[in-house]
Amino acid sequence: MRITAEKKRQTRQRIMDVAHNLFVDKGFEKTTTRDIVAAAGIAAGTLFNYFPTKEALAMTLLAEALDRTEAEFGGRLQGDEDLAEALFAHVAAGLRGLAPHRRYVGEVLETAMSPFGSNAVCEAAERVRLDHLEVVRQLLVSRCPEVSTGPSFIAIHLYWTLYLGVLAFWAKDESPNREDTLSVLDHSMRIFAESLTTHSPGQEEVIDEAENR
């Protein structure tokens, strides 16, 4: 029997819904693909037709949540924010979108979003990284004259490391309304913004040259 596009969409959504519930209840590491298959009422092969790995499934959930926050973020900017303020707003919008997934974000970060990872590990994670960093690049170019031609590899790597640190902290933060996370986020974005104007002349060029050898 021919499976319609609508049926495929429904099956994919059912897999994502049950996986999300299991990740929240049991955690990412303790949830197996067998658990997901059983809860979704599908064959094991069907699951892998939609998502090649458990990491890809989890990252797709996170990616879709982050996608929904982009419009909210753009609508909140007034245009007169400095770089640190704009970056703060961007990350904070993402955290609000990820709130339903907070139970397992930290576990997924360890396996799929390391700054040393590659798109071979998880294509969904790579898309999240590239989409997020493109917004950061635009904010840098529009608000930081020092990087008007685009941020260096070192600047991007520093930002991404700080960003993942904020996410990891947020995933475990039990302070009221995650107030401690907001403090960490504010401090991290200001450290990053200041680093763009305090490096010694030629430092980035020397490092980039060394990396390309």
N, C-alpha and C. Protein backbone atom coordinates (compact mmCIF):
# COMPACT_ATOMS: atom_id res chain seq x y z
N MET A 1 0.85 -1.19 0.00
CA MET A 1 0.00 0.00 0.00
C MET A 1 0.89 1.25 0.00
N ARG A 2 0.57 2.19 -0.84
CA ARG A 2 1.34 3.41 -0.96
C ARG A 2 1.10 4.33 0.24
N ILE A 3 2.19 4.81 0.84
CA ILE A 3 2.10 5.69 2.00
C ILE A 3 2.09 7.13 1.52
N THR A 4 1.08 7.87 1.89
CA THR A 4 0.95 9.25 1.43
C THR A 4 1.90 10.17 2.20
N ALA A 5 2.12 11.35 1.64
CA ALA A 5 2.97 12.34 2.29
C ALA A 5 2.39 12.74 3.64
N GLU A 6 1.07 12.83 3.73
CA GLU A 6 0.43 13.19 4.99
C GLU A 6 0.64 12.11 6.05
N LYS A 7 0.58 10.86 5.62
CA LYS A 7 0.82 9.75 6.54
C LYS A 7 2.25 9.79 7.06
N LYS A 8 3.19 10.08 6.18
CA LYS A 8 4.59 10.19 6.60
C LYS A 8 4.77 11.32 7.59
N ARG A 9 4.10 12.44 7.33
CA ARG A 9 4.20 13.58 8.24
C ARG A 9 3.66 13.21 9.61
N GLN A 10 2.54 12.50 9.63
CA GLN A 10 1.93 12.10 10.90
C GLN A 10 2.83 11.13 11.66
N THR A 11 3.43 10.20 10.93
CA THR A 11 4.33 9.23 11.57
C THR A 11 5.54 9.94 12.15
N ARG A 12 6.12 10.84 11.38
CA ARG A 12 7.29 11.59 11.86
C ARG A 12 6.94 12.38 13.11
N GLN A 13 5.78 13.04 13.10
CA GLN A 13 5.37 13.83 14.25
C GLN A 13 5.11 12.94 15.46
N ARG A 14 4.52 11.76 15.23
CA ARG A 14 4.26 10.85 16.35
C ARG A 14 5.57 10.38 16.98
N ILE A 15 6.56 10.08 16.14
CA ILE A 15 7.87 9.69 16.66
C ILE A 15 8.46 10.81 17.51
N MET A 16 8.39 12.04 17.02
CA MET A 16 8.95 13.17 17.76
C MET A 16 8.21 13.40 19.07
N ASP A 17 6.89 13.27 19.05
CA ASP A 17 6.10 13.50 20.26
C ASP A 17 6.43 12.48 21.34
N VAL A 18 6.47 11.19 20.97
CA VAL A 18 6.73 10.17 21.98
C VAL A 18 8.19 10.24 22.45
N ALA A 19 9.09 10.57 21.53
CA ALA A 19 10.50 10.69 21.92
C ALA A 19 10.67 11.82 22.93
N HIS A 20 10.03 12.95 22.67
CA HIS A 20 10.11 14.08 23.60
C HIS A 20 9.62 13.67 24.98
N ASN A 21 8.49 13.00 25.03
CA ASN A 21 7.93 12.58 26.32
C ASN A 21 8.87 11.62 27.05
N LEU A 22 9.45 10.70 26.31
CA LEU A 22 10.37 9.75 26.92
C LEU A 22 11.64 10.43 27.41
N PHE A 23 12.18 11.35 26.60
CA PHE A 23 13.39 12.07 27.00
C PHE A 23 13.14 12.88 28.28
N VAL A 24 11.94 13.47 28.38
CA VAL A 24 11.60 14.26 29.57
C VAL A 24 11.45 13.35 30.78
N ASP A 25 10.79 12.20 30.60
CA ASP A 25 10.51 11.29 31.72
C ASP A 25 11.74 10.50 32.16
N LYS A 26 12.51 9.99 31.20
CA LYS A 26 13.61 9.08 31.52
C LYS A 26 14.99 9.69 31.33
N GLY A 27 15.06 10.78 30.59
CA GLY A 27 16.36 11.33 30.22
C GLY A 27 16.80 10.80 28.88
N PHE A 28 17.69 11.52 28.23
CA PHE A 28 18.13 11.15 26.89
C PHE A 28 18.92 9.85 26.90
N GLU A 29 19.87 9.73 27.79
CA GLU A 29 20.74 8.55 27.80
C GLU A 29 19.97 7.27 28.14
N LYS A 30 19.02 7.36 29.05
CA LYS A 30 18.30 6.16 29.48
C LYS A 30 17.19 5.75 28.53
N THR A 31 16.82 6.62 27.62
CA THR A 31 15.81 6.27 26.62
C THR A 31 16.49 5.55 25.47
N THR A 32 15.99 4.39 25.11
CA THR A 32 16.55 3.62 24.00
C THR A 32 15.69 3.78 22.76
N THR A 33 16.26 3.44 21.62
CA THR A 33 15.45 3.47 20.40
C THR A 33 14.32 2.44 20.47
N ARG A 34 14.55 1.36 21.21
CA ARG A 34 13.47 0.37 21.40
C ARG A 34 12.30 0.98 22.16
N ASP A 35 12.62 1.82 23.15
CA ASP A 35 11.56 2.51 23.90
C ASP A 35 10.73 3.39 22.96
N ILE A 36 11.43 4.11 22.09
CA ILE A 36 10.74 5.03 21.17
C ILE A 36 9.87 4.26 20.19
N VAL A 37 10.43 3.19 19.64
CA VAL A 37 9.69 2.36 18.68
C VAL A 37 8.43 1.80 19.31
N ALA A 38 8.55 1.28 20.54
CA ALA A 38 7.39 0.69 21.21
C ALA A 38 6.32 1.74 21.50
N ALA A 39 6.74 2.90 21.98
CA ALA A 39 5.78 3.94 22.32
C ALA A 39 5.08 4.50 21.09
N ALA A 40 5.80 4.54 19.97
CA ALA A 40 5.22 5.08 18.74
C ALA A 40 4.42 4.03 17.98
N GLY A 41 4.57 2.76 18.34
CA GLY A 41 3.84 1.70 17.66
C GLY A 41 4.29 1.48 16.23
N ILE A 42 5.61 1.55 16.02
CA ILE A 42 6.18 1.37 14.68
C ILE A 42 7.28 0.33 14.72
N ALA A 43 7.73 -0.08 13.55
CA ALA A 43 8.85 -1.02 13.45
C ALA A 43 10.16 -0.25 13.59
N ALA A 44 11.20 -0.97 14.05
CA ALA A 44 12.50 -0.33 14.24
C ALA A 44 12.99 0.31 12.94
N GLY A 45 12.80 -0.39 11.83
CA GLY A 45 13.25 0.13 10.55
C GLY A 45 12.56 1.42 10.17
N THR A 46 11.30 1.56 10.59
CA THR A 46 10.55 2.79 10.29
C THR A 46 11.18 3.99 11.00
N LEU A 47 11.58 3.80 12.25
CA LEU A 47 12.22 4.89 12.99
C LEU A 47 13.44 5.40 12.25
N PHE A 48 14.28 4.48 11.80
CA PHE A 48 15.53 4.89 11.16
C PHE A 48 15.33 5.42 9.75
N ASN A 49 14.15 5.21 9.19
CA ASN A 49 13.84 5.85 7.91
C ASN A 49 13.66 7.36 8.08
N TYR A 50 13.28 7.77 9.28
CA TYR A 50 13.04 9.18 9.56
C TYR A 50 14.22 9.85 10.26
N PHE A 51 14.86 9.11 11.17
CA PHE A 51 15.96 9.66 11.96
C PHE A 51 17.07 8.62 12.07
N PRO A 52 18.25 8.90 11.52
CA PRO A 52 19.32 7.89 11.49
C PRO A 52 19.86 7.51 12.86
N THR A 53 19.76 8.43 13.83
CA THR A 53 20.26 8.16 15.18
C THR A 53 19.35 8.81 16.21
N LYS A 54 19.51 8.37 17.45
CA LYS A 54 18.77 8.99 18.54
C LYS A 54 19.20 10.45 18.71
N GLU A 55 20.49 10.72 18.51
CA GLU A 55 20.99 12.09 18.59
C GLU A 55 20.32 12.99 17.56
N ALA A 56 20.16 12.47 16.34
CA ALA A 56 19.53 13.25 15.28
C ALA A 56 18.07 13.55 15.63
N LEU A 57 17.38 12.59 16.23
CA LEU A 57 16.00 12.79 16.64
C LEU A 57 15.91 13.87 17.71
N ALA A 58 16.76 13.77 18.73
CA ALA A 58 16.74 14.77 19.80
C ALA A 58 17.09 16.15 19.27
N MET A 59 18.10 16.21 18.41
CA MET A 59 18.50 17.50 17.88
C MET A 59 17.44 18.10 16.96
N THR A 60 16.67 17.27 16.28
CA THR A 60 15.57 17.77 15.46
C THR A 60 14.52 18.43 16.34
N LEU A 61 14.24 17.82 17.49
CA LEU A 61 13.32 18.43 18.44
C LEU A 61 13.82 19.80 18.90
N LEU A 62 15.11 19.86 19.23
CA LEU A 62 15.68 21.13 19.68
C LEU A 62 15.73 22.15 18.55
N ALA A 63 16.07 21.69 17.35
CA ALA A 63 16.15 22.59 16.20
C ALA A 63 14.81 23.23 15.89
N GLU A 64 13.74 22.44 15.93
CA GLU A 64 12.42 22.98 15.63
C GLU A 64 11.99 23.98 16.72
N ALA A 65 12.35 23.70 17.96
CA ALA A 65 12.03 24.63 19.04
C ALA A 65 12.78 25.95 18.83
N LEU A 66 14.05 25.87 18.44
CA LEU A 66 14.84 27.08 18.20
C LEU A 66 14.35 27.85 16.99
N ASP A 67 13.93 27.13 15.95
CA ASP A 67 13.40 27.79 14.76
C ASP A 67 12.21 28.69 15.11
N ARG A 68 11.39 28.22 16.03
CA ARG A 68 10.18 28.98 16.39
C ARG A 68 10.51 30.24 17.18
N THR A 69 11.73 30.33 17.71
CA THR A 69 12.08 31.50 18.51
C THR A 69 12.65 32.64 17.66
N GLU A 70 13.04 32.37 16.43
CA GLU A 70 13.71 33.40 15.63
C GLU A 70 12.81 34.61 15.37
N ALA A 71 11.55 34.36 15.06
CA ALA A 71 10.63 35.48 14.83
C ALA A 71 10.45 36.30 16.09
N GLU A 72 10.36 35.61 17.23
CA GLU A 72 10.22 36.31 18.51
C GLU A 72 11.44 37.18 18.77
N PHE A 73 12.63 36.64 18.50
CA PHE A 73 13.85 37.39 18.74
C PHE A 73 13.90 38.65 17.89
N GLY A 74 13.63 38.50 16.59
CA GLY A 74 13.67 39.65 15.70
C GLY A 74 12.70 40.74 16.11
N GLY A 75 11.54 40.34 16.59
CA GLY A 75 10.54 41.30 16.99
C GLY A 75 10.87 42.05 18.26
N ARG A 76 11.76 41.50 19.08
CA ARG A 76 12.12 42.13 20.35
C ARG A 76 13.24 43.16 20.20
N LEU A 77 14.02 43.07 19.15
CA LEU A 77 15.12 44.02 18.99
C LEU A 77 14.60 45.41 18.64
N GLN A 78 15.16 46.42 19.28
CA GLN A 78 14.78 47.80 19.02
C GLN A 78 15.70 48.46 17.99
N GLY A 79 16.90 47.90 17.83
CA GLY A 79 17.85 48.45 16.88
C GLY A 79 18.94 49.29 17.50
N ASP A 80 18.75 49.69 18.76
CA ASP A 80 19.76 50.52 19.41
C ASP A 80 20.54 49.75 20.47
N GLU A 81 20.38 48.43 20.52
CA GLU A 81 21.12 47.63 21.49
C GLU A 81 22.60 47.55 21.10
N ASP A 82 23.47 47.50 22.12
CA ASP A 82 24.86 47.24 21.79
C ASP A 82 25.01 45.74 21.52
N LEU A 83 26.22 45.32 21.15
CA LEU A 83 26.43 43.93 20.75
C LEU A 83 26.08 42.95 21.86
N ALA A 84 26.56 43.22 23.07
CA ALA A 84 26.30 42.30 24.19
C ALA A 84 24.80 42.18 24.46
N GLU A 85 24.08 43.29 24.38
CA GLU A 85 22.64 43.27 24.63
C GLU A 85 21.91 42.48 23.55
N ALA A 86 22.32 42.65 22.30
CA ALA A 86 21.67 41.93 21.20
C ALA A 86 21.93 40.43 21.30
N LEU A 87 23.16 40.06 21.62
CA LEU A 87 23.50 38.64 21.79
C LEU A 87 22.73 38.04 22.97
N PHE A 88 22.63 38.80 24.04
CA PHE A 88 21.86 38.36 25.21
C PHE A 88 20.42 38.06 24.79
N ALA A 89 19.81 38.98 24.04
CA ALA A 89 18.42 38.80 23.61
C ALA A 89 18.27 37.57 22.73
N HIS A 90 19.25 37.34 21.86
CA HIS A 90 19.19 36.19 20.97
C HIS A 90 19.24 34.88 21.74
N VAL A 91 20.19 34.76 22.65
CA VAL A 91 20.32 33.52 23.42
C VAL A 91 19.13 33.34 24.36
N ALA A 92 18.69 34.42 24.99
CA ALA A 92 17.55 34.33 25.92
C ALA A 92 16.29 33.86 25.20
N ALA A 93 16.08 34.32 23.97
CA ALA A 93 14.92 33.86 23.20
C ALA A 93 15.02 32.36 22.94
N GLY A 94 16.23 31.90 22.62
CA GLY A 94 16.42 30.47 22.40
C GLY A 94 16.15 29.65 23.65
N LEU A 95 16.58 30.15 24.81
CA LEU A 95 16.34 29.43 26.06
C LEU A 95 14.85 29.31 26.35
N ARG A 96 14.10 30.37 26.04
CA ARG A 96 12.65 30.29 26.25
C ARG A 96 12.05 29.21 25.34
N GLY A 97 12.54 29.13 24.12
CA GLY A 97 12.03 28.12 23.21
C GLY A 97 12.41 26.70 23.62
N LEU A 98 13.57 26.56 24.26
CA LEU A 98 14.05 25.25 24.68
C LEU A 98 13.50 24.80 26.02
N ALA A 99 12.77 25.67 26.71
CA ALA A 99 12.30 25.36 28.06
C ALA A 99 11.59 24.00 28.18
N PRO A 100 10.72 23.61 27.24
CA PRO A 100 10.06 22.30 27.38
C PRO A 100 11.04 21.13 27.26
N HIS A 101 12.24 21.38 26.77
CA HIS A 101 13.22 20.33 26.54
C HIS A 101 14.37 20.37 27.55
N ARG A 102 14.25 21.20 28.58
CA ARG A 102 15.37 21.43 29.48
C ARG A 102 15.85 20.16 30.17
N ARG A 103 14.96 19.23 30.39
CA ARG A 103 15.30 17.98 31.09
C ARG A 103 16.42 17.23 30.39
N TYR A 104 16.50 17.33 29.06
CA TYR A 104 17.49 16.52 28.35
C TYR A 104 18.46 17.31 27.49
N VAL A 105 18.36 18.64 27.52
CA VAL A 105 19.27 19.45 26.71
C VAL A 105 20.73 19.18 27.07
N GLY A 106 21.02 19.13 28.36
CA GLY A 106 22.41 18.92 28.78
C GLY A 106 23.00 17.64 28.26
N GLU A 107 22.22 16.55 28.29
CA GLU A 107 22.71 15.26 27.82
C GLU A 107 22.96 15.28 26.31
N VAL A 108 22.10 15.95 25.57
CA VAL A 108 22.26 16.03 24.13
C VAL A 108 23.50 16.85 23.77
N LEU A 109 23.74 17.91 24.53
CA LEU A 109 24.91 18.75 24.28
C LEU A 109 26.19 17.94 24.31
N GLU A 110 26.28 17.03 25.26
CA GLU A 110 27.51 16.27 25.44
C GLU A 110 27.83 15.38 24.24
N THR A 111 26.80 14.94 23.53
CA THR A 111 27.03 14.00 22.44
C THR A 111 26.91 14.61 21.06
N ALA A 112 26.18 15.70 20.93
CA ALA A 112 25.89 16.20 19.58
C ALA A 112 26.34 17.62 19.30
N MET A 113 26.62 18.43 20.32
CA MET A 113 26.88 19.84 20.06
C MET A 113 28.22 20.32 20.60
N SER A 114 29.14 19.42 20.81
CA SER A 114 30.47 19.81 21.26
C SER A 114 31.12 20.75 20.26
N PRO A 115 31.90 21.74 20.72
CA PRO A 115 32.60 22.61 19.77
C PRO A 115 33.62 21.85 18.93
N PHE A 116 33.94 20.63 19.36
CA PHE A 116 34.90 19.81 18.61
C PHE A 116 34.20 18.79 17.72
N GLY A 117 32.85 18.82 17.71
CA GLY A 117 32.11 17.87 16.90
C GLY A 117 32.13 18.24 15.43
N SER A 118 31.53 17.41 14.61
CA SER A 118 31.43 17.67 13.18
C SER A 118 30.06 17.27 12.70
N ASN A 119 29.74 17.68 11.47
CA ASN A 119 28.42 17.34 10.95
C ASN A 119 28.29 15.85 10.68
N ALA A 120 29.41 15.11 10.73
CA ALA A 120 29.33 13.66 10.58
C ALA A 120 28.67 13.03 11.80
N VAL A 121 28.76 13.72 12.96
CA VAL A 121 28.16 13.21 14.18
C VAL A 121 26.64 13.33 14.10
N CYS A 122 26.16 14.48 13.68
CA CYS A 122 24.73 14.72 13.62
C CYS A 122 24.44 15.92 12.74
N GLU A 123 23.80 15.72 11.61
CA GLU A 123 23.53 16.81 10.69
C GLU A 123 22.59 17.83 11.30
N ALA A 124 21.64 17.36 12.12
CA ALA A 124 20.71 18.30 12.76
C ALA A 124 21.46 19.25 13.69
N ALA A 125 22.44 18.73 14.41
CA ALA A 125 23.23 19.57 15.31
C ALA A 125 24.03 20.59 14.52
N GLU A 126 24.57 20.18 13.39
CA GLU A 126 25.34 21.11 12.56
C GLU A 126 24.46 22.21 12.02
N ARG A 127 23.22 21.88 11.66
CA ARG A 127 22.31 22.91 11.16
C ARG A 127 21.98 23.91 12.26
N VAL A 128 21.75 23.41 13.48
CA VAL A 128 21.50 24.31 14.60
C VAL A 128 22.67 25.25 14.79
N ARG A 129 23.88 24.71 14.75
CA ARG A 129 25.08 25.52 14.96
C ARG A 129 25.22 26.58 13.88
N LEU A 130 25.07 26.18 12.62
CA LEU A 130 25.25 27.11 11.51
C LEU A 130 24.18 28.20 11.50
N ASP A 131 22.93 27.82 11.75
CA ASP A 131 21.84 28.81 11.78
C ASP A 131 22.05 29.81 12.91
N HIS A 132 22.42 29.30 14.07
CA HIS A 132 22.65 30.18 15.22
C HIS A 132 23.81 31.13 14.95
N LEU A 133 24.90 30.60 14.43
CA LEU A 133 26.08 31.42 14.19
C LEU A 133 25.87 32.43 13.06
N GLU A 134 24.96 32.14 12.14
CA GLU A 134 24.66 33.12 11.09
C GLU A 134 23.99 34.35 11.69
N VAL A 135 23.09 34.15 12.64
CA VAL A 135 22.47 35.29 13.31
C VAL A 135 23.53 36.06 14.09
N VAL A 136 24.43 35.34 14.76
CA VAL A 136 25.51 36.00 15.50
C VAL A 136 26.39 36.81 14.56
N ARG A 137 26.70 36.23 13.41
CA ARG A 137 27.53 36.94 12.42
C ARG A 137 26.87 38.25 12.01
N GLN A 138 25.57 38.20 11.75
CA GLN A 138 24.85 39.40 11.34
C GLN A 138 24.87 40.46 12.45
N LEU A 139 24.71 40.03 13.68
CA LEU A 139 24.76 40.97 14.80
C LEU A 139 26.14 41.59 14.95
N LEU A 140 27.17 40.77 14.74
CA LEU A 140 28.53 41.28 14.84
C LEU A 140 28.82 42.32 13.76
N VAL A 141 28.46 42.00 12.55
CA VAL A 141 28.74 42.91 11.43
C VAL A 141 28.00 44.23 11.60
N SER A 142 26.76 44.17 12.12
CA SER A 142 25.95 45.39 12.24
C SER A 142 26.29 46.22 13.47
N ARG A 143 26.93 45.61 14.48
CA ARG A 143 27.13 46.32 15.74
C ARG A 143 28.58 46.42 16.19
N CYS A 144 29.49 45.83 15.45
CA CYS A 144 30.88 45.85 15.88
C CYS A 144 31.78 46.22 14.70
N PRO A 145 32.20 47.47 14.59
CA PRO A 145 33.03 47.92 13.46
C PRO A 145 34.32 47.12 13.31
N GLU A 146 34.83 46.59 14.43
CA GLU A 146 36.09 45.84 14.38
C GLU A 146 35.98 44.57 13.55
N VAL A 147 34.77 44.06 13.36
CA VAL A 147 34.59 42.83 12.58
C VAL A 147 33.63 43.07 11.42
N SER A 148 33.69 44.25 10.84
CA SER A 148 32.75 44.61 9.77
C SER A 148 32.87 43.70 8.56
N THR A 149 34.02 43.06 8.38
CA THR A 149 34.19 42.14 7.25
C THR A 149 33.85 40.71 7.63
N GLY A 150 33.43 40.51 8.88
CA GLY A 150 33.07 39.17 9.32
C GLY A 150 33.98 38.72 10.45
N PRO A 151 33.42 37.95 11.42
CA PRO A 151 34.21 37.50 12.56
C PRO A 151 35.23 36.43 12.18
N SER A 152 36.32 36.36 12.93
CA SER A 152 37.35 35.36 12.67
C SER A 152 36.94 34.00 13.22
N PHE A 153 37.67 32.99 12.84
CA PHE A 153 37.45 31.64 13.36
C PHE A 153 37.56 31.63 14.88
N ILE A 154 38.58 32.33 15.41
CA ILE A 154 38.79 32.36 16.85
C ILE A 154 37.61 33.00 17.56
N ALA A 155 37.10 34.10 17.02
CA ALA A 155 35.95 34.78 17.64
C ALA A 155 34.73 33.87 17.67
N ILE A 156 34.47 33.19 16.57
CA ILE A 156 33.32 32.29 16.50
C ILE A 156 33.48 31.13 17.46
N HIS A 157 34.69 30.57 17.54
CA HIS A 157 34.93 29.45 18.44
C HIS A 157 34.73 29.88 19.89
N LEU A 158 35.22 31.07 20.23
CA LEU A 158 35.04 31.59 21.59
C LEU A 158 33.57 31.77 21.90
N TYR A 159 32.83 32.36 20.96
CA TYR A 159 31.40 32.57 21.19
C TYR A 159 30.69 31.24 21.41
N TRP A 160 30.96 30.26 20.54
CA TRP A 160 30.24 28.98 20.61
C TRP A 160 30.54 28.26 21.92
N THR A 161 31.78 28.35 22.39
CA THR A 161 32.15 27.72 23.65
C THR A 161 31.41 28.38 24.82
N LEU A 162 31.33 29.72 24.81
CA LEU A 162 30.58 30.43 25.84
C LEU A 162 29.10 30.08 25.78
N TYR A 163 28.57 30.00 24.57
CA TYR A 163 27.15 29.69 24.40
C TYR A 163 26.81 28.31 24.95
N LEU A 164 27.63 27.32 24.63
CA LEU A 164 27.38 25.97 25.14
C LEU A 164 27.51 25.94 26.66
N GLY A 165 28.42 26.73 27.20
CA GLY A 165 28.54 26.81 28.65
C GLY A 165 27.28 27.36 29.29
N VAL A 166 26.70 28.37 28.66
CA VAL A 166 25.44 28.94 29.16
C VAL A 166 24.33 27.89 29.12
N LEU A 167 24.24 27.17 28.00
CA LEU A 167 23.21 26.13 27.89
C LEU A 167 23.37 25.06 28.96
N ALA A 168 24.62 24.61 29.17
CA ALA A 168 24.88 23.58 30.16
C ALA A 168 24.51 24.07 31.57
N PHE A 169 24.82 25.33 31.86
CA PHE A 169 24.48 25.90 33.17
C PHE A 169 22.96 25.98 33.32
N TRP A 170 22.30 26.48 32.28
CA TRP A 170 20.83 26.63 32.31
C TRP A 170 20.13 25.29 32.53
N ALA A 171 20.66 24.24 31.94
CA ALA A 171 20.03 22.92 32.05
C ALA A 171 19.99 22.42 33.49
N LYS A 172 20.90 22.91 34.32
CA LYS A 172 20.96 22.47 35.72
C LYS A 172 20.56 23.56 36.72
N ASP A 173 20.22 24.73 36.23
CA ASP A 173 19.95 25.87 37.09
C ASP A 173 18.61 25.71 37.82
N GLU A 174 18.66 25.75 39.15
CA GLU A 174 17.44 25.64 39.95
C GLU A 174 17.09 26.95 40.64
N SER A 175 17.74 28.04 40.25
CA SER A 175 17.43 29.33 40.87
C SER A 175 16.05 29.80 40.41
N PRO A 176 15.39 30.66 41.20
CA PRO A 176 14.06 31.15 40.81
C PRO A 176 14.09 31.83 39.44
N ASN A 177 13.19 31.37 38.55
CA ASN A 177 13.08 31.94 37.21
C ASN A 177 14.41 31.89 36.44
N ARG A 178 15.29 30.97 36.84
CA ARG A 178 16.61 30.80 36.19
C ARG A 178 17.40 32.11 36.22
N GLU A 179 17.29 32.85 37.31
CA GLU A 179 17.95 34.14 37.42
C GLU A 179 19.48 34.01 37.33
N ASP A 180 20.01 32.92 37.89
CA ASP A 180 21.46 32.73 37.83
C ASP A 180 21.93 32.56 36.38
N THR A 181 21.12 31.88 35.59
CA THR A 181 21.47 31.72 34.17
C THR A 181 21.54 33.07 33.47
N LEU A 182 20.58 33.93 33.76
CA LEU A 182 20.58 35.25 33.13
C LEU A 182 21.84 36.03 33.49
N SER A 183 22.29 35.89 34.73
CA SER A 183 23.52 36.55 35.14
C SER A 183 24.73 35.99 34.40
N VAL A 184 24.78 34.66 34.30
CA VAL A 184 25.88 34.01 33.58
C VAL A 184 25.85 34.41 32.11
N LEU A 185 24.66 34.44 31.52
CA LEU A 185 24.52 34.83 30.12
C LEU A 185 24.98 36.26 29.90
N ASP A 186 24.54 37.16 30.74
CA ASP A 186 24.94 38.57 30.60
C ASP A 186 26.46 38.71 30.70
N HIS A 187 27.05 38.06 31.68
CA HIS A 187 28.50 38.15 31.86
C HIS A 187 29.24 37.55 30.67
N SER A 188 28.76 36.41 30.19
CA SER A 188 29.42 35.73 29.07
C SER A 188 29.39 36.56 27.79
N MET A 189 28.24 37.17 27.50
CA MET A 189 28.13 37.97 26.28
C MET A 189 28.96 39.25 26.36
N ARG A 190 29.10 39.80 27.57
CA ARG A 190 29.93 40.99 27.72
C ARG A 190 31.42 40.64 27.60
N ILE A 191 31.80 39.49 28.13
CA ILE A 191 33.18 39.02 27.96
C ILE A 191 33.49 38.86 26.48
N PHE A 192 32.55 38.26 25.75
CA PHE A 192 32.77 38.03 24.32
C PHE A 192 32.87 39.36 23.57
N ALA A 193 31.93 40.27 23.83
CA ALA A 193 31.93 41.56 23.13
C ALA A 193 33.22 42.32 23.41
N GLU A 194 33.67 42.31 24.66
CA GLU A 194 34.90 43.02 25.02
C GLU A 194 36.12 42.38 24.38
N SER A 195 36.09 41.06 24.19
CA SER A 195 37.24 40.38 23.61
C SER A 195 37.49 40.82 22.17
N LEU A 196 36.46 41.30 21.50
CA LEU A 196 36.61 41.70 20.11
C LEU A 196 37.36 43.02 19.95
N THR A 197 37.42 43.78 21.02
CA THR A 197 38.07 45.10 20.94
C THR A 197 39.33 45.19 21.78
N THR A 198 39.69 44.09 22.48
CA THR A 198 40.86 44.15 23.36
C THR A 198 42.00 43.25 22.93
N HIS A 199 41.84 42.49 21.81
CA HIS A 199 42.93 41.63 21.38
C HIS A 199 44.06 42.49 20.80
N SER A 200 45.25 41.96 20.87
CA SER A 200 46.40 42.71 20.35
C SER A 200 46.39 42.73 18.85
N PRO A 201 46.92 43.80 18.20
CA PRO A 201 46.91 43.91 16.74
C PRO A 201 47.56 42.70 16.08
N GLY A 202 46.85 42.16 15.11
CA GLY A 202 47.42 41.06 14.34
C GLY A 202 47.27 39.70 14.98
N GLN A 203 46.72 39.64 16.21
CA GLN A 203 46.62 38.37 16.91
C GLN A 203 45.78 37.36 16.13
N GLU A 204 44.61 37.79 15.67
CA GLU A 204 43.73 36.86 14.97
C GLU A 204 44.37 36.39 13.67
N GLU A 205 45.09 37.32 12.98
CA GLU A 205 45.70 36.95 11.72
C GLU A 205 46.79 35.91 11.93
N VAL A 206 47.58 36.06 13.02
CA VAL A 206 48.64 35.10 13.30
C VAL A 206 48.06 33.74 13.61
N ILE A 207 46.99 33.71 14.40
CA ILE A 207 46.37 32.44 14.75
C ILE A 207 45.76 31.79 13.53
N ASP A 208 45.06 32.59 12.69
CA ASP A 208 44.46 32.03 11.48
C ASP A 208 45.53 31.45 10.57
N GLU A 209 46.66 32.14 10.46
CA GLU A 209 47.74 31.66 9.59
C GLU A 209 48.27 30.34 10.12
N ALA A 210 48.43 30.25 11.44
CA ALA A 210 48.93 29.01 12.04
C ALA A 210 47.96 27.86 11.82
N GLU A 211 46.66 28.18 11.90
CA GLU A 211 45.65 27.13 11.73
C GLU A 211 45.66 26.59 10.30
N ASN A 212 46.03 27.43 9.33
CA ASN A 212 45.97 27.03 7.92
C ASN A 212 47.24 26.32 7.45
N ARG A 213 48.24 26.25 8.31
CA ARG A 213 49.50 25.61 7.89
C ARG A 213 49.34 24.09 7.89
